[in-house]
PDB file of N, CA and C in Angstrom:
ATOM      1  N   UNK A   1     124.426 108.568 120.002  1.00  0.00           N
ATOM      2  CA  UNK A   1     124.831 107.872 118.802  1.00  0.00           C
ATOM      3  C   UNK A   1     125.986 106.923 119.099  1.00  0.00           C
ATOM      4  N   UNK A   2     126.869 107.342 120.000  1.00  0.00           N
ATOM      5  CA  UNK A   2     128.007 106.501 120.338  1.00  0.00           C
ATOM      6  C   UNK A   2     127.532 105.196 120.997  1.00  0.00           C
ATOM      7  N   UNK A   3     126.499 105.304 121.832  1.00  0.00           N
ATOM      8  CA  UNK A   3     125.965 104.112 122.482  1.00  0.00           C
ATOM      9  C   UNK A   3     125.375 103.136 121.473  1.00  0.00           C
ATOM     10  N   UNK A   4     124.719 103.679 120.436  1.00  0.00           N
ATOM     11  CA  UNK A   4     124.138 102.819 119.404  1.00  0.00           C
ATOM     12  C   UNK A   4     125.241 102.092 118.639  1.00  0.00           C
ATOM     13  N   UNK A   5     126.314 102.819 118.308  1.00  0.00           N
ATOM     14  CA  UNK A   5     127.429 102.180 117.589  1.00  0.00           C
ATOM     15  C   UNK A   5     128.058 101.078 118.437  1.00  0.00           C
ATOM     16  N   UNK A   6     128.223 101.353 119.733  1.00  0.00           N
ATOM     17  CA  UNK A   6     128.800 100.357 120.629  1.00  0.00           C
ATOM     18  C   UNK A   6     127.876  99.133 120.700  1.00  0.00           C
ATOM     19  N   UNK A   7     126.564  99.364 120.725  1.00  0.00           N
ATOM     20  CA  UNK A   7     125.603  98.263 120.746  1.00  0.00           C
ATOM     21  C   UNK A   7     125.731  97.417 119.488  1.00  0.00           C
ATOM     22  N   UNK A   8     125.848  98.077 118.340  1.00  0.00           N
ATOM     23  CA  UNK A   8     125.970  97.347 117.074  1.00  0.00           C
ATOM     24  C   UNK A   8     127.280  96.553 117.037  1.00  0.00           C
ATOM     25  N   UNK A   9     128.378  97.149 117.497  1.00  0.00           N
ATOM     26  CA  UNK A   9     129.662  96.451 117.470  1.00  0.00           C
ATOM     27  C   UNK A   9     129.681  95.244 118.389  1.00  0.00           C
ATOM     28  N   UNK A  10     128.994  95.333 119.523  1.00  0.00           N
ATOM     29  CA  UNK A  10     129.006  94.227 120.484  1.00  0.00           C
ATOM     30  C   UNK A  10     128.190  93.041 119.989  1.00  0.00           C
ATOM     31  N   UNK A  11     127.235  93.278 119.124  1.00  0.00           N
ATOM     32  CA  UNK A  11     126.362  92.206 118.656  1.00  0.00           C
ATOM     33  C   UNK A  11     127.064  91.392 117.579  1.00  0.00           C
ATOM     34  N   UNK A  12     126.921  90.094 117.700  1.00  0.00           N
ATOM     35  CA  UNK A  12     127.473  89.234 116.662  1.00  0.00           C
ATOM     36  C   UNK A  12     126.506  89.190 115.482  1.00  0.00           C
ATOM     37  N   UNK A  13     126.947  88.650 114.381  1.00  0.00           N
ATOM     38  CA  UNK A  13     126.147  88.583 113.168  1.00  0.00           C
ATOM     39  C   UNK A  13     124.855  87.811 113.348  1.00  0.00           C
ATOM     40  N   UNK A  14     124.902  86.741 114.146  1.00  0.00           N
ATOM     41  CA  UNK A  14     123.694  85.930 114.339  1.00  0.00           C
ATOM     42  C   UNK A  14     122.616  86.743 115.054  1.00  0.00           C
ATOM     43  N   UNK A  15     123.040  87.550 116.008  1.00  0.00           N
ATOM     44  CA  UNK A  15     122.076  88.365 116.741  1.00  0.00           C
ATOM     45  C   UNK A  15     121.392  89.358 115.809  1.00  0.00           C
ATOM     46  N   UNK A  16     122.154  89.947 114.911  1.00  0.00           N
ATOM     47  CA  UNK A  16     121.579  90.918 113.987  1.00  0.00           C
ATOM     48  C   UNK A  16     120.585  90.234 113.046  1.00  0.00           C
ATOM     49  N   UNK A  17     120.879  89.028 112.631  1.00  0.00           N
ATOM     50  CA  UNK A  17     119.945  88.278 111.784  1.00  0.00           C
ATOM     51  C   UNK A  17     118.671  87.986 112.560  1.00  0.00           C
ATOM     52  N   UNK A  18     118.803  87.640 113.827  1.00  0.00           N
ATOM     53  CA  UNK A  18     117.616  87.377 114.643  1.00  0.00           C
ATOM     54  C   UNK A  18     116.765  88.635 114.785  1.00  0.00           C
ATOM     55  N   UNK A  19     117.411  89.787 114.993  1.00  0.00           N
ATOM     56  CA  UNK A  19     116.669  91.044 115.094  1.00  0.00           C
ATOM     57  C   UNK A  19     115.951  91.361 113.784  1.00  0.00           C
ATOM     58  N   UNK A  20     116.617  91.104 112.664  1.00  0.00           N
ATOM     59  CA  UNK A  20     116.001  91.363 111.362  1.00  0.00           C
ATOM     60  C   UNK A  20     114.797  90.443 111.149  1.00  0.00           C
ATOM     61  N   UNK A  21     114.931  89.176 111.516  1.00  0.00           N
ATOM     62  CA  UNK A  21     113.807  88.247 111.380  1.00  0.00           C
ATOM     63  C   UNK A  21     112.653  88.643 112.297  1.00  0.00           C
ATOM     64  N   UNK A  22     112.986  89.088 113.504  1.00  0.00           N
ATOM     65  CA  UNK A  22     111.945  89.524 114.428  1.00  0.00           C
ATOM     66  C   UNK A  22     111.218  90.754 113.891  1.00  0.00           C
ATOM     67  N   UNK A  23     111.967  91.707 113.337  1.00  0.00           N
ATOM     68  CA  UNK A  23     111.353  92.900 112.756  1.00  0.00           C
ATOM     69  C   UNK A  23     110.464  92.527 111.566  1.00  0.00           C
ATOM     70  N   UNK A  24     110.909  91.590 110.753  1.00  0.00           N
ATOM     71  CA  UNK A  24     110.109  91.150 109.612  1.00  0.00           C
ATOM     72  C   UNK A  24     108.821  90.468 110.082  1.00  0.00           C
ATOM     73  N   UNK A  25     108.919  89.666 111.118  1.00  0.00           N
ATOM     74  CA  UNK A  25     107.737  88.991 111.648  1.00  0.00           C
ATOM     75  C   UNK A  25     106.742  89.996 112.214  1.00  0.00           C
ATOM     76  N   UNK A  26     107.232  90.957 112.982  1.00  0.00           N
ATOM     77  CA  UNK A  26     106.343  91.963 113.568  1.00  0.00           C
ATOM     78  C   UNK A  26     105.664  92.778 112.479  1.00  0.00           C
ATOM     79  N   UNK A  27     106.420  93.180 111.456  1.00  0.00           N
ATOM     80  CA  UNK A  27     105.804  93.971 110.388  1.00  0.00           C
ATOM     81  C   UNK A  27     104.791  93.149 109.591  1.00  0.00           C
ATOM     82  N   UNK A  28     105.052  91.877 109.387  1.00  0.00           N
ATOM     83  CA  UNK A  28     104.114  91.020 108.665  1.00  0.00           C
ATOM     84  C   UNK A  28     102.817  90.847 109.455  1.00  0.00           C
ATOM     85  N   UNK A  29     102.940  90.627 110.757  1.00  0.00           N
ATOM     86  CA  UNK A  29     101.749  90.480 111.596  1.00  0.00           C
ATOM     87  C   UNK A  29     100.959  91.781 111.625  1.00  0.00           C
ATOM     88  N   UNK A  30     101.654  92.907 111.752  1.00  0.00           N
ATOM     89  CA  UNK A  30     100.978  94.206 111.785  1.00  0.00           C
ATOM     90  C   UNK A  30     100.253  94.469 110.471  1.00  0.00           C
ATOM     91  N   UNK A  31     100.911  94.230 109.353  1.00  0.00           N
ATOM     92  CA  UNK A  31     100.289  94.446 108.048  1.00  0.00           C
ATOM     93  C   UNK A  31      99.081  93.535 107.865  1.00  0.00           C
ATOM     94  N   UNK A  32      99.201  92.283 108.275  1.00  0.00           N
ATOM     95  CA  UNK A  32      98.075  91.354 108.155  1.00  0.00           C
ATOM     96  C   UNK A  32      96.896  91.816 109.009  1.00  0.00           C
ATOM     97  N   UNK A  33      97.183  92.287 110.219  1.00  0.00           N
ATOM     98  CA  UNK A  33      96.107  92.755 111.101  1.00  0.00           C
ATOM     99  C   UNK A  33      95.408  93.968 110.501  1.00  0.00           C
ATOM    100  N   UNK A  34      96.173  94.888 109.943  1.00  0.00           N
ATOM    101  CA  UNK A  34      95.571  96.081 109.334  1.00  0.00           C
ATOM    102  C   UNK A  34      94.719  95.690 108.139  1.00  0.00           C
ATOM    103  N   UNK A  35      95.201  94.766 107.323  1.00  0.00           N
ATOM    104  CA  UNK A  35      94.433  94.342 106.151  1.00  0.00           C
ATOM    105  C   UNK A  35      93.163  93.598 106.563  1.00  0.00           C
ATOM    106  N   UNK A  36      93.214  92.852 107.651  1.00  0.00           N
ATOM    107  CA  UNK A  36      92.069  92.076 108.104  1.00  0.00           C
ATOM    108  C   UNK A  36      91.046  92.968 108.808  1.00  0.00           C
ATOM    109  N   UNK A  37      91.520  93.855 109.677  1.00  0.00           N
ATOM    110  CA  UNK A  37      90.636  94.684 110.490  1.00  0.00           C
ATOM    111  C   UNK A  37      90.210  95.953 109.750  1.00  0.00           C
ATOM    112  N   UNK A  38      91.006  96.412 108.819  1.00  0.00           N
ATOM    113  CA  UNK A  38      90.759  97.675 108.123  1.00  0.00           C
ATOM    114  C   UNK A  38      89.356  97.841 107.557  1.00  0.00           C
ATOM    115  N   UNK A  39      88.877  96.899 106.757  1.00  0.00           N
ATOM    116  CA  UNK A  39      87.538  97.071 106.178  1.00  0.00           C
ATOM    117  C   UNK A  39      86.425  97.165 107.220  1.00  0.00           C
ATOM    118  N   UNK A  40      86.599  96.506 108.354  1.00  0.00           N
ATOM    119  CA  UNK A  40      85.540  96.536 109.358  1.00  0.00           C
ATOM    120  C   UNK A  40      85.518  97.844 110.151  1.00  0.00           C
ATOM    121  N   UNK A  41      86.660  98.547 110.219  1.00  0.00           N
ATOM    122  CA  UNK A  41      86.670  99.807 110.969  1.00  0.00           C
ATOM    123  C   UNK A  41      86.551 101.030 110.057  1.00  0.00           C
ATOM    124  N   UNK A  42      86.515 100.820 108.759  1.00  0.00           N
ATOM    125  CA  UNK A  42      86.425 101.939 107.818  1.00  0.00           C
ATOM    126  C   UNK A  42      85.179 102.797 108.041  1.00  0.00           C
ATOM    127  N   UNK A  43      83.983 102.208 108.241  1.00  0.00           N
ATOM    128  CA  UNK A  43      82.805 103.051 108.491  1.00  0.00           C
ATOM    129  C   UNK A  43      82.949 103.911 109.745  1.00  0.00           C
ATOM    130  N   UNK A  44      83.522 103.358 110.795  1.00  0.00           N
ATOM    131  CA  UNK A  44      83.723 104.138 112.023  1.00  0.00           C
ATOM    132  C   UNK A  44      84.698 105.280 111.771  1.00  0.00           C
ATOM    133  N   UNK A  45      85.736 105.023 110.982  1.00  0.00           N
ATOM    134  CA  UNK A  45      86.708 106.068 110.650  1.00  0.00           C
ATOM    135  C   UNK A  45      86.032 107.192 109.879  1.00  0.00           C
ATOM    136  N   UNK A  46      85.209 106.854 108.891  1.00  0.00           N
ATOM    137  CA  UNK A  46      84.539 107.889 108.104  1.00  0.00           C
ATOM    138  C   UNK A  46      83.534 108.674 108.954  1.00  0.00           C
ATOM    139  N   UNK A  47      82.869 107.998 109.886  1.00  0.00           N
ATOM    140  CA  UNK A  47      81.940 108.688 110.778  1.00  0.00           C
ATOM    141  C   UNK A  47      82.702 109.681 111.666  1.00  0.00           C
ATOM    142  N   UNK A  48      83.850 109.267 112.181  1.00  0.00           N
ATOM    143  CA  UNK A  48      84.683 110.147 113.006  1.00  0.00           C
ATOM    144  C   UNK A  48      85.215 111.320 112.180  1.00  0.00           C
ATOM    145  N   UNK A  49      85.651 111.035 110.959  1.00  0.00           N
ATOM    146  CA  UNK A  49      86.155 112.089 110.081  1.00  0.00           C
ATOM    147  C   UNK A  49      85.077 113.133 109.808  1.00  0.00           C
ATOM    148  N   UNK A  50      83.853 112.682 109.550  1.00  0.00           N
ATOM    149  CA  UNK A  50      82.748 113.599 109.287  1.00  0.00           C
ATOM    150  C   UNK A  50      82.446 114.455 110.518  1.00  0.00           C
ATOM    151  N   UNK A  51      82.470 113.842 111.700  1.00  0.00           N
ATOM    152  CA  UNK A  51      82.209 114.591 112.933  1.00  0.00           C
ATOM    153  C   UNK A  51      83.279 115.651 113.168  1.00  0.00           C
ATOM    154  N   UNK A  52      84.527 115.307 112.909  1.00  0.00           N
ATOM    155  CA  UNK A  52      85.618 116.271 113.091  1.00  0.00           C
ATOM    156  C   UNK A  52      85.497 117.408 112.089  1.00  0.00           C
ATOM    157  N   UNK A  53      85.159 117.089 110.840  1.00  0.00           N
ATOM    158  CA  UNK A  53      84.988 118.145 109.829  1.00  0.00           C
ATOM    159  C   UNK A  53      83.843 119.090 110.196  1.00  0.00           C
ATOM    160  N   UNK A  54      82.720 118.524 110.667  1.00  0.00           N
ATOM    161  CA  UNK A  54      81.591 119.374 111.054  1.00  0.00           C
ATOM    162  C   UNK A  54      81.948 120.243 112.254  1.00  0.00           C
ATOM    163  N   UNK A  55      82.651 119.678 113.225  1.00  0.00           N
ATOM    164  CA  UNK A  55      83.050 120.453 114.407  1.00  0.00           C
ATOM    165  C   UNK A  55      84.028 121.560 114.016  1.00  0.00           C
ATOM    166  N   UNK A  56      84.958 121.254 113.137  1.00  0.00           N
ATOM    167  CA  UNK A  56      85.922 122.264 112.699  1.00  0.00           C
ATOM    168  C   UNK A  56      85.223 123.373 111.929  1.00  0.00           C
ATOM    169  N   UNK A  57      84.262 123.027 111.077  1.00  0.00           N
ATOM    170  CA  UNK A  57      83.534 124.036 110.308  1.00  0.00           C
ATOM    171  C   UNK A  57      82.695 124.915 111.221  1.00  0.00           C
ATOM    172  N   UNK A  58      82.171 124.342 112.307  1.00  0.00           N
ATOM    173  CA  UNK A  58      81.352 125.118 113.232  1.00  0.00           C
ATOM    174  C   UNK A  58      82.212 126.075 114.059  1.00  0.00           C
ATOM    175  N   UNK A  59      83.395 125.641 114.432  1.00  0.00           N
ATOM    176  CA  UNK A  59      84.245 126.466 115.287  1.00  0.00           C
ATOM    177  C   UNK A  59      85.175 127.384 114.505  1.00  0.00           C
ATOM    178  N   UNK A  60      85.509 127.017 113.298  1.00  0.00           N
ATOM    179  CA  UNK A  60      86.424 127.807 112.480  1.00  0.00           C
ATOM    180  C   UNK A  60      85.815 128.012 111.101  1.00  0.00           C
ATOM    181  N   UNK A  61      84.865 128.932 110.971  1.00  0.00           N
ATOM    182  CA  UNK A  61      84.238 129.150 109.662  1.00  0.00           C
ATOM    183  C   UNK A  61      85.265 129.673 108.661  1.00  0.00           C
ATOM    184  N   UNK A  62      84.948 129.492 107.413  1.00  0.00           N
ATOM    185  CA  UNK A  62      85.855 129.926 106.346  1.00  0.00           C
ATOM    186  C   UNK A  62      86.097 131.422 106.440  1.00  0.00           C
ATOM    187  N   UNK A  63      87.287 131.828 106.103  1.00  0.00           N
ATOM    188  CA  UNK A  63      87.657 133.239 106.096  1.00  0.00           C
ATOM    189  C   UNK A  63      86.784 133.970 105.081  1.00  0.00           C
ATOM    190  N   UNK A  64      86.313 135.190 105.395  1.00  0.00           N
ATOM    191  CA  UNK A  64      85.407 135.893 104.473  1.00  0.00           C
ATOM    192  C   UNK A  64      85.969 136.066 103.064  1.00  0.00           C
ATOM    193  N   UNK A  65      87.279 136.204 102.932  1.00  0.00           N
ATOM    194  CA  UNK A  65      87.872 136.376 101.602  1.00  0.00           C
ATOM    195  C   UNK A  65      88.302 135.081 100.977  1.00  0.00           C
ATOM    196  N   UNK A  66      87.822 133.998 101.487  1.00  0.00           N
ATOM    197  CA  UNK A  66      88.250 132.697 101.005  1.00  0.00           C
ATOM    198  C   UNK A  66      87.033 131.932 100.511  1.00  0.00           C
ATOM    199  N   UNK A  67      87.212 131.196  99.420  1.00  0.00           N
ATOM    200  CA  UNK A  67      86.096 130.434  98.868  1.00  0.00           C
ATOM    201  C   UNK A  67      85.933 129.085  99.556  1.00  0.00           C
ATOM    202  N   UNK A  68      86.734 128.805 100.592  1.00  0.00           N
ATOM    203  CA  UNK A  68      86.642 127.552 101.298  1.00  0.00           C
ATOM    204  C   UNK A  68      87.533 126.477 100.720  1.00  0.00           C
ATOM    205  N   UNK A  69      88.117 126.739  99.558  1.00  0.00           N
ATOM    206  CA  UNK A  69      88.974 125.741  98.911  1.00  0.00           C
ATOM    207  C   UNK A  69      90.437 125.916  99.205  1.00  0.00           C
ATOM    208  N   UNK A  70      90.787 126.867 100.042  1.00  0.00           N
ATOM    209  CA  UNK A  70      92.175 127.054 100.403  1.00  0.00           C
ATOM    210  C   UNK A  70      92.891 128.110  99.586  1.00  0.00           C
ATOM    211  N   UNK A  71      92.217 128.623  98.534  1.00  0.00           N
ATOM    212  CA  UNK A  71      92.862 129.661  97.742  1.00  0.00           C
ATOM    213  C   UNK A  71      92.033 130.943  97.845  1.00  0.00           C
ATOM    214  N   UNK A  72      92.687 132.069  98.080  1.00  0.00           N
ATOM    215  CA  UNK A  72      91.936 133.335  98.193  1.00  0.00           C
ATOM    216  C   UNK A  72      91.293 133.718  96.863  1.00  0.00           C
ATOM    217  N   UNK A  73      90.125 134.328  96.954  1.00  0.00           N
ATOM    218  CA  UNK A  73      89.450 134.782  95.734  1.00  0.00           C
ATOM    219  C   UNK A  73      89.888 136.205  95.418  1.00  0.00           C
ATOM    220  N   UNK A  74      89.850 136.555  94.166  1.00  0.00           N
ATOM    221  CA  UNK A  74      90.267 137.895  93.725  1.00  0.00           C
ATOM    222  C   UNK A  74      89.078 138.814  93.590  1.00  0.00           C
TER     223      UNK A  74
END
């Protein structure tokens, strides 16, 4: 933590503004990429999710005293 404080103190105000602008640019590009690519990879994600759920159900069947919904039955 001391090293981080020393790093912040050594930086002038202009440098911090540049870092903030760079972080804003990176986050904007990342968000745009996710919004653009997201719809095209959604089917693959759902296919993977279904495969993982089926594999988990095959290897870890529901507990005998459980209805499968996460709450024990009485």
